[in-house]
């Protein structure tokens, strides 16, 4: 059987230009699963307010992390794809797609269709499930598959937040750092609370039974899955509760998942933490949110509020830990 493995990352501007950043932001923010408001209001809000005001700021942020080879997210994603291909060998052909930007899901599926693969294993590179990440990728895949009349079987790997190999990969990647720091902060991407409640199907969201110890909630709740990842890794590393915590970054409004990473970092510095390590387990590869927001902006916050040493622990990227984990997660579906 001829098998294609498609790993899907979020995406990035293709060039370090205002035009490219605007194009990326438009495609990203016009996704109804990202900004969940009626179509007309979303069009007006994104096209006439958010993108015109946010694009220059985003371009300035990308300039801080852009490399001679291009966007860090794209570079790291390609390296991951190439190493995963070597690891899987002739068991499957590995493709990389971006939900927004290039290579698009459509271009990748067109190539797969042309080569007549019998089976597609789809793996969005988001460990924790949410509508704006995993569901959006699956919806785009399904739409394009219908358009191209692809008949092959599809196997979806839609969340791996608690898979033993993924937890082991995170633990191994952090092991050399945690003993040297007073506190380890686990920072996940924040989401609107309204979205979390909508996507939860257990009717427990933000009740006394929510997120911790409730399997019914955990199957559907992004927040619960973040907490599960945090707890599993902290347990593996034997971190004491007073030496680790969880927060949420990249929030746009107050009614987003909290505690917020920037506020948490300031609080830790002011409370006497001198050496802080931060890890971002919700990101498969380093990107703007980790390299600029965490390793530049949050580092500066910590140092200017009394902290002395700040360490951003890199994402799994194409590390041997990551490749081994992805291989083991994918192999049962081959």
Protein backbone atom coordinates (compact mmCIF):
# COMPACT_ATOMS: atom_id res chain seq x y z
CA UNK A 1 0.00 0.00 0.00
CA UNK A 2 1.28 3.45 -0.95
CA UNK A 3 0.95 5.72 2.11
CA UNK A 4 1.27 9.51 2.37
CA UNK A 5 1.82 11.20 5.73
CA UNK A 6 0.77 14.87 5.71
CA UNK A 7 1.97 16.99 8.63
CA UNK A 8 0.19 20.35 8.85
CA UNK A 9 1.56 23.42 10.59
CA UNK A 10 -0.11 26.80 10.99
CA UNK A 11 1.83 28.73 8.35
CA UNK A 12 3.81 31.93 7.97
CA UNK A 13 4.34 34.85 5.60
CA UNK A 14 6.47 33.69 2.68
CA UNK A 15 8.51 36.89 2.56
CA UNK A 16 9.58 39.61 4.95
CA UNK A 17 7.40 42.26 3.31
CA UNK A 18 4.29 44.14 4.36
CA UNK A 19 2.38 42.68 1.41
CA UNK A 20 3.23 39.12 2.41
CA UNK A 21 2.36 39.73 6.07
CA UNK A 22 -1.00 41.28 5.10
CA UNK A 23 -1.81 38.35 2.81
CA UNK A 24 -1.01 35.85 5.57
CA UNK A 25 -3.02 37.72 8.21
CA UNK A 26 -6.03 38.02 5.89
CA UNK A 27 -6.10 34.30 5.17
CA UNK A 28 -5.58 33.44 8.82
CA UNK A 29 -8.03 35.88 10.42
CA UNK A 30 -10.80 35.40 7.88
CA UNK A 31 -11.07 31.75 8.89
CA UNK A 32 -14.43 31.49 10.70
CA UNK A 33 -12.90 29.05 13.16
CA UNK A 34 -10.32 31.66 14.17
CA UNK A 35 -12.66 34.65 14.50
CA UNK A 36 -16.06 33.15 15.23
CA UNK A 37 -18.45 35.97 14.33
CA UNK A 38 -20.97 36.39 11.46
CA UNK A 39 -19.41 36.57 7.99
CA UNK A 40 -20.09 40.25 7.21
CA UNK A 41 -18.85 41.51 10.57
CA UNK A 42 -15.74 39.32 10.29
CA UNK A 43 -14.95 40.72 6.83
CA UNK A 44 -15.31 44.32 8.02
CA UNK A 45 -13.40 43.76 11.25
CA UNK A 46 -10.49 41.92 9.64
CA UNK A 47 -10.14 43.85 6.36
CA UNK A 48 -10.68 47.38 7.64
CA UNK A 49 -9.53 47.30 11.26
CA UNK A 50 -7.34 44.38 12.35
CA UNK A 51 -5.09 43.83 9.31
CA UNK A 52 -4.42 47.52 8.51
CA UNK A 53 -3.40 48.19 12.11
CA UNK A 54 -1.74 44.88 12.95
CA UNK A 55 0.29 44.19 9.80
CA UNK A 56 3.06 46.76 10.44
CA UNK A 57 3.43 45.59 14.03
CA UNK A 58 3.57 41.97 12.89
CA UNK A 59 6.17 42.79 10.24
CA UNK A 60 8.36 44.47 12.87
CA UNK A 61 8.07 41.37 15.05
CA UNK A 62 8.95 39.03 12.17
CA UNK A 63 12.04 41.14 11.43
CA UNK A 64 13.39 40.27 14.88
CA UNK A 65 13.37 36.51 14.21
CA UNK A 66 13.64 36.18 10.41
CA UNK A 67 16.76 34.38 9.21
CA UNK A 68 18.77 34.32 5.99
CA UNK A 69 16.92 31.11 5.11
CA UNK A 70 13.51 32.62 5.78
CA UNK A 71 10.77 32.16 8.37
CA UNK A 72 11.80 30.07 11.41
CA UNK A 73 8.49 28.19 11.42
CA UNK A 74 8.90 27.19 7.78
CA UNK A 75 12.56 26.24 8.17
CA UNK A 76 11.95 24.12 11.27
CA UNK A 77 8.90 22.47 9.70
CA UNK A 78 10.87 21.46 6.60
CA UNK A 79 13.67 20.03 8.73
CA UNK A 80 11.12 18.09 10.74
CA UNK A 81 9.54 16.70 7.56
CA UNK A 82 12.90 15.64 6.15
CA UNK A 83 14.02 13.87 9.32
CA UNK A 84 10.65 12.19 9.75
CA UNK A 85 10.94 10.91 6.17
CA UNK A 86 14.33 9.36 6.96
CA UNK A 87 12.94 7.81 10.14
CA UNK A 88 9.87 6.28 8.44
CA UNK A 89 11.90 5.16 5.43
CA UNK A 90 9.91 3.42 2.71
CA UNK A 91 6.88 2.92 4.96
CA UNK A 92 5.42 6.26 3.84
CA UNK A 93 6.11 9.45 1.93
CA UNK A 94 6.04 12.52 4.19
CA UNK A 95 4.54 15.81 2.96
CA UNK A 96 4.45 19.21 4.68
CA UNK A 97 1.42 21.50 4.33
CA UNK A 98 0.57 24.84 5.89
CA UNK A 99 -2.97 25.68 6.89
CA UNK A 100 -2.34 29.28 5.81
CA UNK A 101 0.26 30.23 3.25
CA UNK A 102 2.52 27.91 1.29
CA UNK A 103 2.71 24.99 0.65
CA UNK A 104 -1.06 24.96 0.86
CA UNK A 105 -3.14 21.94 1.73
CA UNK A 106 -4.54 22.06 -1.80
CA UNK A 107 -1.12 22.00 -3.49
CA UNK A 108 0.00 19.07 -1.34
CA UNK A 109 -3.17 17.05 -1.91
CA UNK A 110 -2.94 17.76 -5.64
CA UNK A 111 0.52 16.18 -5.66
CA UNK A 112 -0.70 13.23 -3.58
CA UNK A 113 -3.62 12.72 -5.93
CA UNK A 114 -1.31 12.83 -8.95
CA UNK A 115 0.95 10.17 -7.42
CA UNK A 116 -2.02 7.89 -6.65
CA UNK A 117 -1.46 7.20 -2.97
CA UNK A 118 -3.76 4.59 -1.44
CA UNK A 119 -3.88 6.06 2.06
CA UNK A 120 -3.33 9.44 3.70
CA UNK A 121 -2.36 9.90 7.33
CA UNK A 122 -3.14 13.46 8.35
CA UNK A 123 -1.34 14.85 11.40
CA UNK A 124 -1.89 18.50 12.35
CA UNK A 125 1.12 19.60 14.39
CA UNK A 126 -0.96 20.78 17.35
CA UNK A 127 -0.68 18.52 20.42
CA UNK A 128 -3.82 19.98 22.04
CA UNK A 129 -7.13 20.08 20.16
CA UNK A 130 -8.95 23.31 19.39
CA UNK A 131 -11.32 24.52 16.71
CA UNK A 132 -8.96 27.25 15.50
CA UNK A 133 -6.09 24.83 14.95
CA UNK A 134 -6.92 21.14 14.53
CA UNK A 135 -10.55 21.48 13.45
CA UNK A 136 -9.63 24.20 10.96
CA UNK A 137 -6.93 21.99 9.42
CA UNK A 138 -9.33 19.03 9.20
CA UNK A 139 -12.05 21.15 7.63
CA UNK A 140 -9.66 22.48 4.99
CA UNK A 141 -8.40 18.97 4.26
CA UNK A 142 -11.94 17.61 3.86
CA UNK A 143 -12.95 20.49 1.57
CA UNK A 144 -9.94 20.05 -0.70
CA UNK A 145 -10.28 16.27 -0.73
CA UNK A 146 -13.84 16.63 -2.04
CA UNK A 147 -12.78 19.19 -4.64
CA UNK A 148 -10.07 16.89 -5.96
CA UNK A 149 -12.24 13.75 -5.69
CA UNK A 150 -9.55 11.91 -3.73
CA UNK A 151 -10.81 8.39 -3.01
CA UNK A 152 -8.04 7.01 -0.82
CA UNK A 153 -8.49 6.19 2.85
CA UNK A 154 -7.72 8.86 5.44
CA UNK A 155 -6.51 8.35 8.99
CA UNK A 156 -6.47 11.43 11.21
CA UNK A 157 -4.19 11.94 14.21
CA UNK A 158 -5.99 14.90 15.77
CA UNK A 159 -4.49 15.33 19.26
CA UNK A 160 -1.53 13.79 21.03
CA UNK A 161 -1.33 15.91 24.17
CA UNK A 162 -1.04 12.89 26.49
CA UNK A 163 0.67 10.32 24.27
CA UNK A 164 3.50 8.72 26.27
CA UNK A 165 6.07 9.29 23.50
CA UNK A 166 5.14 12.97 23.21
CA UNK A 167 5.36 13.44 26.97
CA UNK A 168 8.71 11.63 26.99
CA UNK A 169 9.99 13.86 24.18
CA UNK A 170 9.06 17.00 26.12
CA UNK A 171 10.59 15.61 29.30
CA UNK A 172 13.85 14.66 27.59
CA UNK A 173 14.10 18.03 25.86
CA UNK A 174 13.71 19.85 29.19
CA UNK A 175 15.78 17.58 31.40
CA UNK A 176 19.07 19.46 30.97
CA UNK A 177 17.52 22.78 32.01
CA UNK A 178 15.03 22.40 34.84
CA UNK A 179 17.46 21.70 37.69
CA UNK A 180 19.31 24.96 37.04
CA UNK A 181 16.26 27.22 37.43
CA UNK A 182 14.09 28.33 40.34
CA UNK A 183 10.86 28.00 38.40
CA UNK A 184 9.62 26.41 35.16
CA UNK A 185 6.71 28.09 33.38
CA UNK A 186 4.66 26.11 30.85
CA UNK A 187 3.19 28.62 28.38
CA UNK A 188 0.40 27.56 26.02
CA UNK A 189 -1.38 29.65 23.39
CA UNK A 190 -4.45 31.35 24.80
CA UNK A 191 -7.88 31.16 23.17
CA UNK A 192 -11.16 33.04 23.70
CA UNK A 193 -13.10 31.53 26.59
CA UNK A 194 -16.23 31.60 24.39
CA UNK A 195 -14.52 29.28 21.91
CA UNK A 196 -13.48 26.87 24.65
CA UNK A 197 -17.06 26.63 25.91
CA UNK A 198 -18.47 26.12 22.39
CA UNK A 199 -16.10 23.30 21.49
CA UNK A 200 -16.59 21.43 24.78
CA UNK A 201 -19.21 18.71 24.39
CA UNK A 202 -19.32 17.46 27.96
CA UNK A 203 -21.37 20.34 29.42
CA UNK A 204 -18.72 20.64 32.15
CA UNK A 205 -16.64 23.51 30.79
CA UNK A 206 -15.62 25.93 33.55
CA UNK A 207 -17.65 24.08 36.17
CA UNK A 208 -16.19 22.56 39.33
CA UNK A 209 -15.57 19.31 37.41
CA UNK A 210 -13.87 20.97 34.47
CA UNK A 211 -10.36 20.34 33.18
CA UNK A 212 -8.75 18.41 36.02
CA UNK A 213 -9.55 14.76 36.55
CA UNK A 214 -12.57 14.64 34.26
CA UNK A 215 -12.02 12.43 31.21
CA UNK A 216 -15.32 13.46 29.66
CA UNK A 217 -14.20 17.06 29.58
CA UNK A 218 -10.63 16.28 28.59
CA UNK A 219 -11.63 14.64 25.30
CA UNK A 220 -12.97 17.95 23.99
CA UNK A 221 -11.54 20.78 26.08
CA UNK A 222 -8.38 22.59 24.96
CA UNK A 223 -7.77 23.94 28.45
CA UNK A 224 -8.09 20.48 29.97
CA UNK A 225 -5.59 19.07 27.49
CA UNK A 226 -3.08 21.84 28.25
CA UNK A 227 -3.41 21.10 31.96
CA UNK A 228 -2.98 17.37 31.30
CA UNK A 229 0.23 17.94 29.31
CA UNK A 230 1.57 20.25 32.02
CA UNK A 231 0.80 17.80 34.83
CA UNK A 232 2.22 14.76 33.02
CA UNK A 233 5.51 16.49 32.17
CA UNK A 234 5.86 18.04 35.63
CA UNK A 235 5.32 14.62 37.18
CA UNK A 236 7.92 13.01 34.90
CA UNK A 237 10.44 15.71 35.81
CA UNK A 238 9.58 15.49 39.53
CA UNK A 239 8.86 19.22 39.65
CA UNK A 240 7.38 20.46 42.91
CA UNK A 241 4.13 22.47 42.63
CA UNK A 242 5.85 25.59 43.95
CA UNK A 243 8.55 25.32 41.28
CA UNK A 244 6.34 25.14 38.18
CA UNK A 245 3.18 26.71 36.82
CA UNK A 246 1.01 27.05 33.71
CA UNK A 247 0.03 30.16 31.78
CA UNK A 248 -1.44 31.25 28.43
CA UNK A 249 0.20 33.58 25.93
CA UNK A 250 -0.72 35.55 22.80
CA UNK A 251 -4.06 36.68 24.16
CA UNK A 252 -5.92 39.44 22.36
CA UNK A 253 -8.56 40.29 24.94
CA UNK A 254 -9.36 39.95 28.63
CA UNK A 255 -11.94 37.20 28.09
CA UNK A 256 -9.26 34.73 27.02
CA UNK A 257 -7.79 31.76 28.85
CA UNK A 258 -5.70 32.87 31.80
CA UNK A 259 -3.46 33.28 33.76
CA UNK A 260 -1.70 35.32 31.11
CA UNK A 261 1.97 34.58 30.46
CA UNK A 262 3.18 38.18 30.50
CA UNK A 263 1.45 38.95 33.80
CA UNK A 264 2.63 35.65 35.30
CA UNK A 265 6.25 36.38 34.39
CA UNK A 266 6.12 39.82 35.99
CA UNK A 267 4.53 38.34 39.12
CA UNK A 268 7.19 35.61 39.37
CA UNK A 269 10.00 38.17 39.05
CA UNK A 270 8.44 40.44 41.66
CA UNK A 271 7.90 37.51 44.05
CA UNK A 272 11.61 36.69 44.13
CA UNK A 273 12.16 34.17 41.33
CA UNK A 274 15.63 34.96 39.98
CA UNK A 275 16.12 32.19 37.42
CA UNK A 276 13.17 31.33 35.18
CA UNK A 277 12.86 28.74 32.41
CA UNK A 278 9.91 28.88 30.00
CA UNK A 279 8.72 26.07 27.71
CA UNK A 280 5.91 26.18 25.13
CA UNK A 281 4.56 22.60 24.78
CA UNK A 282 1.69 23.60 22.49
CA UNK A 283 4.02 24.58 19.64
CA UNK A 284 5.65 21.85 17.57
CA UNK A 285 8.21 24.21 16.05
CA UNK A 286 9.66 27.53 17.06
CA UNK A 287 7.90 30.49 15.51
CA UNK A 288 7.03 34.14 16.08
CA UNK A 289 5.13 33.34 19.27
CA UNK A 290 8.07 31.54 20.88
CA UNK A 291 11.10 33.35 19.47
CA UNK A 292 9.79 36.92 19.59
CA UNK A 293 7.01 36.91 22.18
CA UNK A 294 8.70 34.62 24.70
CA UNK A 295 12.46 34.75 24.10
CA UNK A 296 12.56 38.50 23.44
CA UNK A 297 9.52 40.28 24.90
CA UNK A 298 8.88 38.07 27.94
CA UNK A 299 12.60 37.77 28.66
CA UNK A 300 12.78 41.56 28.78
CA UNK A 301 9.75 41.69 31.12
CA UNK A 302 11.36 39.23 33.51
CA UNK A 303 14.73 40.98 33.61
CA UNK A 304 13.26 44.47 34.02
CA UNK A 305 11.07 43.38 36.96
CA UNK A 306 13.79 41.85 39.11
CA UNK A 307 14.67 38.56 37.44
CA UNK A 308 18.30 37.73 36.77
CA UNK A 309 18.40 34.79 34.36
CA UNK A 310 15.83 33.75 31.74
CA UNK A 311 15.91 30.62 29.60
CA UNK A 312 13.53 29.80 26.78
CA UNK A 313 13.58 26.04 26.23
CA UNK A 314 13.29 25.48 22.47
CA UNK A 315 10.32 23.67 20.97
CA UNK A 316 10.80 20.05 19.96
CA UNK A 317 11.46 21.14 16.34
CA UNK A 318 13.38 18.38 14.50
CA UNK A 319 15.12 17.00 17.59
CA UNK A 320 15.72 13.28 17.90
CA UNK A 321 13.18 13.34 20.75
CA UNK A 322 10.53 14.76 18.42
CA UNK A 323 11.23 12.44 15.51
CA UNK A 324 11.07 9.36 17.71
CA UNK A 325 7.79 10.55 19.22
CA UNK A 326 6.13 11.35 15.89
CA UNK A 327 7.29 8.06 14.42
CA UNK A 328 5.76 6.08 17.27
CA UNK A 329 2.52 8.09 17.11
CA UNK A 330 2.21 7.61 13.33
CA UNK A 331 3.28 3.95 13.01
CA UNK A 332 0.04 2.36 14.34
CA UNK A 333 -1.83 4.12 11.51
CA UNK A 334 0.42 2.87 8.72
